[in-house]
C-alpha atoms as a PDB file:
ATOM      1  CA  GLN A   1      -6.968  15.787  10.943  1.00  0.00           C
ATOM      2  CA  VAL A   2      -6.578  12.505   9.092  1.00  0.00           C
ATOM      3  CA  GLN A   3      -2.984  11.489   8.517  1.00  0.00           C
ATOM      4  CA  LEU A   4      -1.521   8.497   6.710  1.00  0.00           C
ATOM      5  CA  VAL A   5       2.254   8.248   6.981  1.00  0.00           C
ATOM      6  CA  GLU A   6       4.206   5.677   5.004  1.00  0.00           C
ATOM      7  CA  SER A   7       7.614   4.334   5.986  1.00  0.00           C
ATOM      8  CA  GLY A   8       9.984   1.491   5.169  1.00  0.00           C
ATOM      9  CA  GLY A   9      10.876   2.376   1.603  1.00  0.00           C
ATOM     10  CA  GLY A  10      14.384   2.522   0.238  1.00  0.00           C
ATOM     11  CA  LEU A  11      16.807   0.742  -2.045  1.00  0.00           C
ATOM     12  CA  VAL A  12      16.456  -2.983  -2.660  1.00  0.00           C
ATOM     13  CA  GLN A  13      18.146  -5.421  -5.024  1.00  0.00           C
ATOM     14  CA  ALA A  14      16.084  -7.090  -7.718  1.00  0.00           C
ATOM     15  CA  GLY A  15      14.651 -10.311  -6.325  1.00  0.00           C
ATOM     16  CA  GLY A  16      14.762  -8.971  -2.797  1.00  0.00           C
ATOM     17  CA  SER A  17      12.079  -8.063  -0.284  1.00  0.00           C
ATOM     18  CA  LEU A  18      10.879  -4.961   1.501  1.00  0.00           C
ATOM     19  CA  ARG A  19       8.079  -4.180   3.942  1.00  0.00           C
ATOM     20  CA  LEU A  20       6.203  -0.896   3.895  1.00  0.00           C
ATOM     21  CA  SER A  21       4.270   0.407   6.871  1.00  0.00           C
ATOM     22  CA  CYS A  22       1.501   2.980   7.121  1.00  0.00           C
ATOM     23  CA  ALA A  23       0.528   4.672  10.376  1.00  0.00           C
ATOM     24  CA  ALA A  24      -3.010   6.064  10.424  1.00  0.00           C
ATOM     25  CA  SER A  25      -4.406   8.705  12.755  1.00  0.00           C
ATOM     26  CA  GLY A  26      -7.439  10.947  12.953  1.00  0.00           C
ATOM     27  CA  LEU A  27      -9.939   8.293  11.832  1.00  0.00           C
ATOM     28  CA  PRO A  28     -11.683   5.249  13.310  1.00  0.00           C
ATOM     29  CA  PHE A  29      -9.157   2.893  11.796  1.00  0.00           C
ATOM     30  CA  SER A  30     -11.047  -0.365  12.301  1.00  0.00           C
ATOM     31  CA  TYR A  31     -14.004   0.951  10.220  1.00  0.00           C
ATOM     32  CA  TYR A  32     -11.891   1.695   7.140  1.00  0.00           C
ATOM     33  CA  VAL A  33     -10.733  -0.277   4.161  1.00  0.00           C
ATOM     34  CA  MET A  34      -7.015   0.305   3.751  1.00  0.00           C
ATOM     35  CA  GLY A  35      -5.026   0.035   0.539  1.00  0.00           C
ATOM     36  CA  TRP A  36      -1.826   0.645  -1.335  1.00  0.00           C
ATOM     37  CA  PHE A  37      -1.225   2.231  -4.720  1.00  0.00           C
ATOM     38  CA  ARG A  38       2.025   2.816  -6.568  1.00  0.00           C
ATOM     39  CA  GLN A  39       3.125   5.244  -9.223  1.00  0.00           C
ATOM     40  CA  THR A  40       5.927   4.988 -11.738  1.00  0.00           C
ATOM     41  CA  PRO A  41       7.121   8.367 -13.041  1.00  0.00           C
ATOM     42  CA  GLY A  42       5.227   9.258 -16.181  1.00  0.00           C
ATOM     43  CA  ARG A  43       2.385   6.805 -15.523  1.00  0.00           C
ATOM     44  CA  GLN A  44      -0.945   6.852 -13.741  1.00  0.00           C
ATOM     45  CA  ARG A  45      -1.148   5.747 -10.138  1.00  0.00           C
ATOM     46  CA  GLU A  46      -2.015   2.032 -10.047  1.00  0.00           C
ATOM     47  CA  PHE A  47      -3.822  -0.150  -7.534  1.00  0.00           C
ATOM     48  CA  VAL A  48      -1.656  -2.641  -5.652  1.00  0.00           C
ATOM     49  CA  ALA A  49      -3.625  -4.129  -2.760  1.00  0.00           C
ATOM     50  CA  ALA A  50      -6.447  -3.510  -0.281  1.00  0.00           C
ATOM     51  CA  ILE A  51      -7.696  -5.071   2.942  1.00  0.00           C
ATOM     52  CA  SER A  52     -11.138  -5.067   4.600  1.00  0.00           C
ATOM     53  CA  TRP A  53     -12.039  -3.709   8.052  1.00  0.00           C
ATOM     54  CA  SER A  54     -11.479  -7.030   9.816  1.00  0.00           C
ATOM     55  CA  GLY A  55      -8.609  -8.174   7.629  1.00  0.00           C
ATOM     56  CA  ASN A  56     -10.574 -11.208   6.478  1.00  0.00           C
ATOM     57  CA  SER A  57     -10.738 -10.040   2.850  1.00  0.00           C
ATOM     58  CA  THR A  58      -7.789  -8.975   0.741  1.00  0.00           C
ATOM     59  CA  TYR A  59      -7.543  -7.769  -2.848  1.00  0.00           C
ATOM     60  CA  TYR A  60      -4.498  -7.701  -5.117  1.00  0.00           C
ATOM     61  CA  ALA A  61      -3.565  -6.485  -8.536  1.00  0.00           C
ATOM     62  CA  ASN A  62      -2.720  -9.365 -10.832  1.00  0.00           C
ATOM     63  CA  SER A  63       0.791  -8.046 -11.237  1.00  0.00           C
ATOM     64  CA  VAL A  64       1.623  -8.570  -7.551  1.00  0.00           C
ATOM     65  CA  LYS A  65      -0.556 -11.551  -6.646  1.00  0.00           C
ATOM     66  CA  GLY A  66       1.502 -14.245  -4.986  1.00  0.00           C
ATOM     67  CA  ARG A  67       4.435 -11.900  -4.325  1.00  0.00           C
ATOM     68  CA  PHE A  68       2.935  -9.134  -2.171  1.00  0.00           C
ATOM     69  CA  ALA A  69       0.904  -9.468   1.032  1.00  0.00           C
ATOM     70  CA  ILE A  70      -1.167  -6.808   2.782  1.00  0.00           C
ATOM     71  CA  ALA A  71      -1.939  -6.978   6.486  1.00  0.00           C
ATOM     72  CA  ARG A  72      -3.318  -4.724   9.212  1.00  0.00           C
ATOM     73  CA  ASP A  73      -3.141  -4.368  12.983  1.00  0.00           C
ATOM     74  CA  ASN A  74      -6.235  -2.583  14.261  1.00  0.00           C
ATOM     75  CA  ASN A  75      -4.791  -2.316  17.763  1.00  0.00           C
ATOM     76  CA  LYS A  76      -1.906  -0.245  16.433  1.00  0.00           C
ATOM     77  CA  ASN A  77      -3.691   1.573  13.574  1.00  0.00           C
ATOM     78  CA  MET A  78      -1.134   0.160  11.161  1.00  0.00           C
ATOM     79  CA  VAL A  79      -1.293  -1.385   7.722  1.00  0.00           C
ATOM     80  CA  TYR A  80       1.604  -3.180   6.044  1.00  0.00           C
ATOM     81  CA  LEU A  81       2.655  -4.225   2.582  1.00  0.00           C
ATOM     82  CA  GLN A  82       5.145  -7.071   2.405  1.00  0.00           C
ATOM     83  CA  MET A  83       6.803  -7.046  -1.009  1.00  0.00           C
ATOM     84  CA  ASN A  84       8.711 -10.136  -2.094  1.00  0.00           C
ATOM     85  CA  SER A  85      10.502 -10.977  -5.343  1.00  0.00           C
ATOM     86  CA  LEU A  86      10.684  -7.367  -6.465  1.00  0.00           C
ATOM     87  CA  LYS A  87      11.270  -7.452 -10.212  1.00  0.00           C
ATOM     88  CA  THR A  88      11.101  -4.181 -12.061  1.00  0.00           C
ATOM     89  CA  GLU A  89      14.199  -2.023 -11.949  1.00  0.00           C
ATOM     90  CA  GLY A  90      13.535   1.637 -11.286  1.00  0.00           C
ATOM     91  CA  THR A  91      11.860   3.872  -8.771  1.00  0.00           C
ATOM     92  CA  ASP A  92       8.197   3.786  -7.730  1.00  0.00           C
ATOM     93  CA  VAL A  93       6.328   5.775  -5.116  1.00  0.00           C
ATOM     94  CA  TYR A  94       3.961   3.754  -2.927  1.00  0.00           C
ATOM     95  CA  TYR A  95       0.932   5.443  -1.382  1.00  0.00           C
ATOM     96  CA  CYS A  96      -1.187   4.389   1.577  1.00  0.00           C
ATOM     97  CA  THR A  97      -4.948   4.947   1.156  1.00  0.00           C
ATOM     98  CA  ALA A  98      -8.146   4.673   3.201  1.00  0.00           C
ATOM     99  CA  ASP A  99     -11.915   4.678   2.645  1.00  0.00           C
ATOM    100  CA  LEU A 100     -15.108   3.476   4.333  1.00  0.00           C
ATOM    101  CA  THR A 101     -15.919   1.081   1.495  1.00  0.00           C
ATOM    102  CA  TYR A 102     -14.077  -0.859  -1.187  1.00  0.00           C
ATOM    103  CA  GLY A 103     -15.430  -0.223  -4.665  1.00  0.00           C
ATOM    104  CA  GLY A 104     -12.636  -1.805  -6.650  1.00  0.00           C
ATOM    105  CA  GLY A 105      -9.128  -0.708  -7.464  1.00  0.00           C
ATOM    106  CA  ASP A 106     -10.028   2.795  -8.664  1.00  0.00           C
ATOM    107  CA  GLU A 107      -8.030   5.739  -7.449  1.00  0.00           C
ATOM    108  CA  GLY A 108     -11.226   7.763  -6.979  1.00  0.00           C
ATOM    109  CA  GLY A 109     -12.636   5.168  -4.618  1.00  0.00           C
ATOM    110  CA  PHE A 110     -10.276   6.133  -1.784  1.00  0.00           C
ATOM    111  CA  SER A 111     -10.800   9.307   0.205  1.00  0.00           C
ATOM    112  CA  TYR A 112      -7.543   9.686   2.109  1.00  0.00           C
ATOM    113  CA  TRP A 113      -3.959   9.488   0.920  1.00  0.00           C
ATOM    114  CA  GLY A 114      -0.508   9.508   2.399  1.00  0.00           C
ATOM    115  CA  ARG A 115       2.333  11.488   0.898  1.00  0.00           C
ATOM    116  CA  GLY A 116       4.032   8.400  -0.485  1.00  0.00           C
ATOM    117  CA  ASP A 117       7.263   6.501   0.094  1.00  0.00           C
ATOM    118  CA  GLN A 118       9.873   5.759  -2.531  1.00  0.00           C
ATOM    119  CA  VAL A 119      11.052   2.262  -3.420  1.00  0.00           C
ATOM    120  CA  THR A 120      13.999   1.787  -5.769  1.00  0.00           C
ATOM    121  CA  VAL A 121      14.870  -1.591  -7.248  1.00  0.00           C
ATOM    122  CA  CYS A 122      18.386  -2.105  -8.610  1.00  0.00           C
ATOM    123  CA  SER A 123      20.112  -5.065 -10.258  1.00  0.00           C
END
């Protein structure tokens, strides 16, 4: 079965940094676009970032551009999200996603989802 397992979340001070990891199994990892979404309680899940099969192309939501960086290691079946200068106080759940193609930052464009990992920003 396909599994995407996020890790690295937790409590971070406003202005600080955190790195999320996603371990993928059950799929040919190097053939898949990987991405991250996040969800604030009471809101729709929102696109954060995506990365192409080779890692040569990356895509970011305007709200995180310049602060977040997505990367992948095809030898380890891992994708990462480096989050710097975290601003918004509160708790969000970050989800790892995967699909064969990238059709934009639509939730419906990704076939596989992790269970999510919680990130809390405090002042």
